[in-house]
Amino acid sequence: MGTGLVDTWANTDKFGPIYPFVGTEVFLVIVGVIFWIAWHVWQIKAETAEFNADIEKIKERGGIVKILEEEKQREIQD
C-alpha cells in the first residue's frame, strides 16, 4: 500500500519534508503578517469612526454633564 511518495519507512533519516506546500513557508508568513497589520489598521479606523459617532451623539444630547444628570434622575426614580 502506498502512502504518497514514501514506499518504505525504514530509512526516515533520508526523507526531506513530507508536509504539503513545502517551500511556501516564507510567502505564507509574509501574507499572514500583511493580513495581520491590515486587520489592525481596519480595526483602528472602525473603532475611531464609532467613537466619533458616539461623541456626536453626546454633543446632540447636550453634553456629558446633562446625560449624567438624566441618568441620576432615572436612578432616583427607580
PDB file of N, CA and C in Angstrom:
ATOM      1  N   MET A   1       0.842  -1.169   0.000  1.00  0.00           N
ATOM      2  CA  MET A   1       0.000   0.000   0.000  1.00  0.00           C
ATOM      3  C   MET A   1       0.897   1.246   0.000  1.00  0.00           C
ATOM      4  N   GLY A   2       0.634   2.171  -0.871  1.00  0.00           N
ATOM      5  CA  GLY A   2       1.426   3.388  -0.974  1.00  0.00           C
ATOM      6  C   GLY A   2       0.826   4.506  -0.137  1.00  0.00           C
ATOM      7  N   THR A   3       1.683   5.309   0.454  1.00  0.00           N
ATOM      8  CA  THR A   3       1.237   6.464   1.243  1.00  0.00           C
ATOM      9  C   THR A   3       1.839   7.733   0.657  1.00  0.00           C
ATOM     10  N   GLY A   4       1.619   7.965  -0.608  1.00  0.00           N
ATOM     11  CA  GLY A   4       2.198   9.124  -1.262  1.00  0.00           C
ATOM     12  C   GLY A   4       3.523   8.766  -1.891  1.00  0.00           C
ATOM     13  N   LEU A   5       4.519   9.611  -1.726  1.00  0.00           N
ATOM     14  CA  LEU A   5       5.829   9.375  -2.333  1.00  0.00           C
ATOM     15  C   LEU A   5       6.693   8.428  -1.512  1.00  0.00           C
ATOM     16  N   VAL A   6       6.262   8.073  -0.317  1.00  0.00           N
ATOM     17  CA  VAL A   6       7.048   7.213   0.555  1.00  0.00           C
ATOM     18  C   VAL A   6       6.610   5.762   0.356  1.00  0.00           C
ATOM     19  N   ASP A   7       7.573   4.905  -0.014  1.00  0.00           N
ATOM     20  CA  ASP A   7       7.267   3.483  -0.191  1.00  0.00           C
ATOM     21  C   ASP A   7       7.598   2.671   1.054  1.00  0.00           C
ATOM     22  N   THR A   8       8.631   3.073   1.765  1.00  0.00           N
ATOM     23  CA  THR A   8       9.020   2.362   2.971  1.00  0.00           C
ATOM     24  C   THR A   8       9.447   3.366   4.031  1.00  0.00           C
ATOM     25  N   TRP A   9       9.172   3.050   5.270  1.00  0.00           N
ATOM     26  CA  TRP A   9       9.503   3.941   6.374  1.00  0.00           C
ATOM     27  C   TRP A   9      10.782   3.493   7.085  1.00  0.00           C
ATOM     28  N   ALA A  10      11.557   2.658   6.432  1.00  0.00           N
ATOM     29  CA  ALA A  10      12.754   2.105   7.058  1.00  0.00           C
ATOM     30  C   ALA A  10      13.856   3.148   7.226  1.00  0.00           C
ATOM     31  N   ASN A  11      14.044   4.021   6.268  1.00  0.00           N
ATOM     32  CA  ASN A  11      15.141   4.998   6.310  1.00  0.00           C
ATOM     33  C   ASN A  11      14.583   6.420   6.424  1.00  0.00           C
ATOM     34  N   THR A  12      13.982   6.725   7.535  1.00  0.00           N
ATOM     35  CA  THR A  12      13.349   8.041   7.688  1.00  0.00           C
ATOM     36  C   THR A  12      14.357   9.175   7.782  1.00  0.00           C
ATOM     37  N   ASP A  13      15.630   8.861   8.089  1.00  0.00           N
ATOM     38  CA  ASP A  13      16.631   9.918   8.164  1.00  0.00           C
ATOM     39  C   ASP A  13      16.985  10.475   6.794  1.00  0.00           C
ATOM     40  N   LYS A  14      16.606   9.803   5.715  1.00  0.00           N
ATOM     41  CA  LYS A  14      16.903  10.263   4.364  1.00  0.00           C
ATOM     42  C   LYS A  14      15.726  11.039   3.738  1.00  0.00           C
ATOM     43  N   PHE A  15      14.619  11.148   4.469  1.00  0.00           N
ATOM     44  CA  PHE A  15      13.462  11.876   3.951  1.00  0.00           C
ATOM     45  C   PHE A  15      13.692  13.372   4.058  1.00  0.00           C
ATOM     46  N   GLY A  16      13.137  14.075   3.125  1.00  0.00           N
ATOM     47  CA  GLY A  16      13.044  15.522   3.250  1.00  0.00           C
ATOM     48  C   GLY A  16      11.701  15.838   3.882  1.00  0.00           C
ATOM     49  N   PRO A  17      11.269  17.046   3.794  1.00  0.00           N
ATOM     50  CA  PRO A  17       9.956  17.383   4.341  1.00  0.00           C
ATOM     51  C   PRO A  17       8.861  16.665   3.555  1.00  0.00           C
ATOM     52  N   ILE A  18       7.865  16.150   4.262  1.00  0.00           N
ATOM     53  CA  ILE A  18       6.776  15.424   3.595  1.00  0.00           C
ATOM     54  C   ILE A  18       5.414  16.071   3.849  1.00  0.00           C
ATOM     55  N   TYR A  19       5.414  17.303   4.351  1.00  0.00           N
ATOM     56  CA  TYR A  19       4.160  18.001   4.574  1.00  0.00           C
ATOM     57  C   TYR A  19       3.783  18.792   3.315  1.00  0.00           C
ATOM     58  N   PRO A  20       2.520  19.164   3.177  1.00  0.00           N
ATOM     59  CA  PRO A  20       2.087  19.879   1.973  1.00  0.00           C
ATOM     60  C   PRO A  20       2.621  21.314   1.906  1.00  0.00           C
ATOM     61  N   PHE A  21       2.713  21.828   0.712  1.00  0.00           N
ATOM     62  CA  PHE A  21       3.134  23.202   0.413  1.00  0.00           C
ATOM     63  C   PHE A  21       4.555  23.497   0.878  1.00  0.00           C
ATOM     64  N   VAL A  22       5.430  22.546   0.711  1.00  0.00           N
ATOM     65  CA  VAL A  22       6.835  22.741   1.071  1.00  0.00           C
ATOM     66  C   VAL A  22       7.412  23.861   0.221  1.00  0.00           C
ATOM     67  N   GLY A  23       8.107  24.787   0.851  1.00  0.00           N
ATOM     68  CA  GLY A  23       8.726  25.898   0.145  1.00  0.00           C
ATOM     69  C   GLY A  23       7.907  27.168   0.150  1.00  0.00           C
ATOM     70  N   THR A  24       6.681  27.097   0.653  1.00  0.00           N
ATOM     71  CA  THR A  24       5.844  28.296   0.662  1.00  0.00           C
ATOM     72  C   THR A  24       5.792  28.949   2.035  1.00  0.00           C
ATOM     73  N   GLU A  25       6.604  28.492   2.959  1.00  0.00           N
ATOM     74  CA  GLU A  25       6.524  28.983   4.334  1.00  0.00           C
ATOM     75  C   GLU A  25       6.785  30.482   4.417  1.00  0.00           C
ATOM     76  N   VAL A  26       7.824  30.958   3.778  1.00  0.00           N
ATOM     77  CA  VAL A  26       8.172  32.384   3.843  1.00  0.00           C
ATOM     78  C   VAL A  26       7.057  33.216   3.223  1.00  0.00           C
ATOM     79  N   PHE A  27       6.553  32.797   2.087  1.00  0.00           N
ATOM     80  CA  PHE A  27       5.461  33.512   1.426  1.00  0.00           C
ATOM     81  C   PHE A  27       4.229  33.571   2.325  1.00  0.00           C
ATOM     82  N   LEU A  28       3.884  32.443   2.948  1.00  0.00           N
ATOM     83  CA  LEU A  28       2.702  32.412   3.803  1.00  0.00           C
ATOM     84  C   LEU A  28       2.890  33.263   5.056  1.00  0.00           C
ATOM     85  N   VAL A  29       4.084  33.317   5.594  1.00  0.00           N
ATOM     86  CA  VAL A  29       4.351  34.183   6.752  1.00  0.00           C
ATOM     87  C   VAL A  29       4.203  35.648   6.342  1.00  0.00           C
ATOM     88  N   ILE A  30       4.735  36.009   5.192  1.00  0.00           N
ATOM     89  CA  ILE A  30       4.615  37.392   4.705  1.00  0.00           C
ATOM     90  C   ILE A  30       3.150  37.758   4.502  1.00  0.00           C
ATOM     91  N   VAL A  31       2.382  36.873   3.875  1.00  0.00           N
ATOM     92  CA  VAL A  31       0.948  37.118   3.671  1.00  0.00           C
ATOM     93  C   VAL A  31       0.239  37.246   5.015  1.00  0.00           C
ATOM     94  N   GLY A  32       0.582  36.387   5.967  1.00  0.00           N
ATOM     95  CA  GLY A  32      -0.039  36.449   7.288  1.00  0.00           C
ATOM     96  C   GLY A  32       0.259  37.747   8.007  1.00  0.00           C
ATOM     97  N   VAL A  33       1.506  38.212   7.956  1.00  0.00           N
ATOM     98  CA  VAL A  33       1.876  39.467   8.620  1.00  0.00           C
ATOM     99  C   VAL A  33       1.171  40.651   7.952  1.00  0.00           C
ATOM    100  N   ILE A  34       1.101  40.651   6.632  1.00  0.00           N
ATOM    101  CA  ILE A  34       0.394  41.729   5.923  1.00  0.00           C
ATOM    102  C   ILE A  34      -1.081  41.737   6.299  1.00  0.00           C
ATOM    103  N   PHE A  35      -1.700  40.569   6.342  1.00  0.00           N
ATOM    104  CA  PHE A  35      -3.106  40.468   6.741  1.00  0.00           C
ATOM    105  C   PHE A  35      -3.296  40.964   8.169  1.00  0.00           C
ATOM    106  N   TRP A  36      -2.389  40.579   9.062  1.00  0.00           N
ATOM    107  CA  TRP A  36      -2.469  40.971  10.466  1.00  0.00           C
ATOM    108  C   TRP A  36      -2.398  42.486  10.608  1.00  0.00           C
ATOM    109  N   ILE A  37      -1.440  43.127   9.939  1.00  0.00           N
ATOM    110  CA  ILE A  37      -1.291  44.579  10.013  1.00  0.00           C
ATOM    111  C   ILE A  37      -2.500  45.270   9.384  1.00  0.00           C
ATOM    112  N   ALA A  38      -2.967  44.767   8.239  1.00  0.00           N
ATOM    113  CA  ALA A  38      -4.138  45.360   7.580  1.00  0.00           C
ATOM    114  C   ALA A  38      -5.368  45.262   8.479  1.00  0.00           C
ATOM    115  N   TRP A  39      -5.545  44.140   9.168  1.00  0.00           N
ATOM    116  CA  TRP A  39      -6.683  43.988  10.070  1.00  0.00           C
ATOM    117  C   TRP A  39      -6.615  45.011  11.200  1.00  0.00           C
ATOM    118  N   HIS A  40      -5.427  45.224  11.755  1.00  0.00           N
ATOM    119  CA  HIS A  40      -5.281  46.206  12.827  1.00  0.00           C
ATOM    120  C   HIS A  40      -5.595  47.608  12.331  1.00  0.00           C
ATOM    121  N   VAL A  41      -5.129  47.983  11.152  1.00  0.00           N
ATOM    122  CA  VAL A  41      -5.424  49.301  10.587  1.00  0.00           C
ATOM    123  C   VAL A  41      -6.925  49.455  10.389  1.00  0.00           C
ATOM    124  N   TRP A  42      -7.575  48.433   9.818  1.00  0.00           N
ATOM    125  CA  TRP A  42      -9.023  48.483   9.599  1.00  0.00           C
ATOM    126  C   TRP A  42      -9.759  48.598  10.927  1.00  0.00           C
ATOM    127  N   GLN A  43      -9.335  47.835  11.921  1.00  0.00           N
ATOM    128  CA  GLN A  43      -9.976  47.855  13.233  1.00  0.00           C
ATOM    129  C   GLN A  43      -9.848  49.218  13.889  1.00  0.00           C
ATOM    130  N   ILE A  44      -8.682  49.821  13.810  1.00  0.00           N
ATOM    131  CA  ILE A  44      -8.472  51.146  14.403  1.00  0.00           C
ATOM    132  C   ILE A  44      -9.370  52.180  13.726  1.00  0.00           C
ATOM    133  N   LYS A  45      -9.467  52.123  12.397  1.00  0.00           N
ATOM    134  CA  LYS A  45     -10.335  53.064  11.680  1.00  0.00           C
ATOM    135  C   LYS A  45     -11.797  52.869  12.067  1.00  0.00           C
ATOM    136  N   ALA A  46     -12.241  51.627  12.180  1.00  0.00           N
ATOM    137  CA  ALA A  46     -13.635  51.355  12.532  1.00  0.00           C
ATOM    138  C   ALA A  46     -13.946  51.826  13.945  1.00  0.00           C
ATOM    139  N   GLU A  47     -13.045  51.571  14.890  1.00  0.00           N
ATOM    140  CA  GLU A  47     -13.270  51.998  16.261  1.00  0.00           C
ATOM    141  C   GLU A  47     -13.229  53.518  16.392  1.00  0.00           C
ATOM    142  N   THR A  48     -12.367  54.170  15.630  1.00  0.00           N
ATOM    143  CA  THR A  48     -12.315  55.633  15.656  1.00  0.00           C
ATOM    144  C   THR A  48     -13.611  56.226  15.119  1.00  0.00           C
ATOM    145  N   ALA A  49     -14.138  55.659  14.042  1.00  0.00           N
ATOM    146  CA  ALA A  49     -15.404  56.143  13.486  1.00  0.00           C
ATOM    147  C   ALA A  49     -16.541  55.943  14.485  1.00  0.00           C
ATOM    148  N   GLU A  50     -16.574  54.808  15.158  1.00  0.00           N
ATOM    149  CA  GLU A  50     -17.614  54.551  16.155  1.00  0.00           C
ATOM    150  C   GLU A  50     -17.485  55.517  17.332  1.00  0.00           C
ATOM    151  N   PHE A  51     -16.258  55.752  17.775  1.00  0.00           N
ATOM    152  CA  PHE A  51     -16.017  56.684  18.877  1.00  0.00           C
ATOM    153  C   PHE A  51     -16.482  58.090  18.498  1.00  0.00           C
ATOM    154  N   ASN A  52     -16.145  58.527  17.282  1.00  0.00           N
ATOM    155  CA  ASN A  52     -16.558  59.865  16.841  1.00  0.00           C
ATOM    156  C   ASN A  52     -18.072  59.970  16.745  1.00  0.00           C
ATOM    157  N   ALA A  53     -18.733  58.914  16.303  1.00  0.00           N
ATOM    158  CA  ALA A  53     -20.200  58.920  16.241  1.00  0.00           C
ATOM    159  C   ALA A  53     -20.791  59.028  17.646  1.00  0.00           C
ATOM    160  N   ASP A  54     -20.199  58.322  18.606  1.00  0.00           N
ATOM    161  CA  ASP A  54     -20.673  58.417  19.988  1.00  0.00           C
ATOM    162  C   ASP A  54     -20.481  59.827  20.543  1.00  0.00           C
ATOM    163  N   ILE A  55     -19.356  60.444  20.244  1.00  0.00           N
ATOM    164  CA  ILE A  55     -19.101  61.819  20.699  1.00  0.00           C
ATOM    165  C   ILE A  55     -20.143  62.771  20.115  1.00  0.00           C
ATOM    166  N   GLU A  56     -20.488  62.597  18.847  1.00  0.00           N
ATOM    167  CA  GLU A  56     -21.505  63.454  18.224  1.00  0.00           C
ATOM    168  C   GLU A  56     -22.866  63.265  18.883  1.00  0.00           C
ATOM    169  N   LYS A  57     -23.220  62.030  19.230  1.00  0.00           N
ATOM    170  CA  LYS A  57     -24.496  61.778  19.921  1.00  0.00           C
ATOM    171  C   LYS A  57     -24.512  62.455  21.286  1.00  0.00           C
ATOM    172  N   ILE A  58     -23.383  62.422  21.990  1.00  0.00           N
ATOM    173  CA  ILE A  58     -23.301  63.081  23.302  1.00  0.00           C
ATOM    174  C   ILE A  58     -23.490  64.591  23.138  1.00  0.00           C
ATOM    175  N   LYS A  59     -22.863  65.161  22.122  1.00  0.00           N
ATOM    176  CA  LYS A  59     -22.999  66.603  21.877  1.00  0.00           C
ATOM    177  C   LYS A  59     -24.439  66.957  21.526  1.00  0.00           C
ATOM    178  N   GLU A  60     -25.113  66.094  20.735  1.00  0.00           N
ATOM    179  CA  GLU A  60     -26.505  66.358  20.355  1.00  0.00           C
ATOM    180  C   GLU A  60     -27.434  66.329  21.565  1.00  0.00           C
ATOM    181  N   ARG A  61     -27.122  65.507  22.545  1.00  0.00           N
ATOM    182  CA  ARG A  61     -27.970  65.391  23.739  1.00  0.00           C
ATOM    183  C   ARG A  61     -27.649  66.445  24.788  1.00  0.00           C
ATOM    184  N   GLY A  62     -26.703  67.315  24.535  1.00  0.00           N
ATOM    185  CA  GLY A  62     -26.429  68.423  25.442  1.00  0.00           C
ATOM    186  C   GLY A  62     -25.167  68.280  26.258  1.00  0.00           C
ATOM    187  N   GLY A  63     -24.367  67.306  25.994  1.00  0.00           N
ATOM    188  CA  GLY A  63     -23.102  67.157  26.709  1.00  0.00           C
ATOM    189  C   GLY A  63     -23.156  66.073  27.775  1.00  0.00           C
ATOM    190  N   ILE A  64     -21.996  65.743  28.259  1.00  0.00           N
ATOM    191  CA  ILE A  64     -21.872  64.635  29.210  1.00  0.00           C
ATOM    192  C   ILE A  64     -22.504  64.966  30.556  1.00  0.00           C
ATOM    193  N   VAL A  65     -22.418  66.229  30.977  1.00  0.00           N
ATOM    194  CA  VAL A  65     -22.986  66.610  32.272  1.00  0.00           C
ATOM    195  C   VAL A  65     -24.492  66.410  32.253  1.00  0.00           C
ATOM    196  N   LYS A  66     -25.139  66.826  31.195  1.00  0.00           N
ATOM    197  CA  LYS A  66     -26.596  66.682  31.095  1.00  0.00           C
ATOM    198  C   LYS A  66     -26.991  65.204  31.061  1.00  0.00           C
ATOM    199  N   ILE A  67     -26.255  64.408  30.345  1.00  0.00           N
ATOM    200  CA  ILE A  67     -26.559  62.977  30.266  1.00  0.00           C
ATOM    201  C   ILE A  67     -26.409  62.330  31.640  1.00  0.00           C
ATOM    202  N   LEU A  68     -25.362  62.682  32.356  1.00  0.00           N
ATOM    203  CA  LEU A  68     -25.160  62.119  33.690  1.00  0.00           C
ATOM    204  C   LEU A  68     -26.250  62.562  34.663  1.00  0.00           C
ATOM    205  N   GLU A  69     -26.697  63.808  34.542  1.00  0.00           N
ATOM    206  CA  GLU A  69     -27.800  64.277  35.387  1.00  0.00           C
ATOM    207  C   GLU A  69     -29.082  63.510  35.076  1.00  0.00           C
ATOM    208  N   GLU A  70     -29.358  63.254  33.797  1.00  0.00           N
ATOM    209  CA  GLU A  70     -30.530  62.462  33.414  1.00  0.00           C
ATOM    210  C   GLU A  70     -30.452  61.050  33.985  1.00  0.00           C
ATOM    211  N   GLU A  71     -29.274  60.469  33.930  1.00  0.00           N
ATOM    212  CA  GLU A  71     -29.082  59.128  34.490  1.00  0.00           C
ATOM    213  C   GLU A  71     -29.314  59.137  36.000  1.00  0.00           C
ATOM    214  N   LYS A  72     -28.831  60.156  36.660  1.00  0.00           N
ATOM    215  CA  LYS A  72     -29.004  60.267  38.107  1.00  0.00           C
ATOM    216  C   LYS A  72     -30.480  60.366  38.456  1.00  0.00           C
ATOM    217  N   GLN A  73     -31.233  61.152  37.678  1.00  0.00           N
ATOM    218  CA  GLN A  73     -32.676  61.288  37.930  1.00  0.00           C
ATOM    219  C   GLN A  73     -33.392  59.957  37.697  1.00  0.00           C
ATOM    220  N   ARG A  74     -32.988  59.223  36.671  1.00  0.00           N
ATOM    221  CA  ARG A  74     -33.605  57.909  36.422  1.00  0.00           C
ATOM    222  C   ARG A  74     -33.320  56.940  37.552  1.00  0.00           C
ATOM    223  N   GLU A  75     -32.113  56.995  38.104  1.00  0.00           N
ATOM    224  CA  GLU A  75     -31.749  56.122  39.233  1.00  0.00           C
ATOM    225  C   GLU A  75     -32.602  56.465  40.452  1.00  0.00           C
ATOM    226  N   ILE A  76     -32.821  57.746  40.673  1.00  0.00           N
ATOM    227  CA  ILE A  76     -33.621  58.171  41.822  1.00  0.00           C
ATOM    228  C   ILE A  76     -35.060  57.721  41.658  1.00  0.00           C
ATOM    229  N   GLN A  77     -35.585  57.824  40.435  1.00  0.00           N
ATOM    230  CA  GLN A  77     -36.969  57.448  40.184  1.00  0.00           C
ATOM    231  C   GLN A  77     -37.185  55.934  40.289  1.00  0.00           C
ATOM    232  N   ASP A  78     -36.185  55.159  39.971  1.00  0.00           N
ATOM    233  CA  ASP A  78     -36.330  53.680  40.029  1.00  0.00           C
ATOM    234  C   ASP A  78     -36.175  53.211  41.407  1.00  0.00           C
TER     235      ASP A  78
END
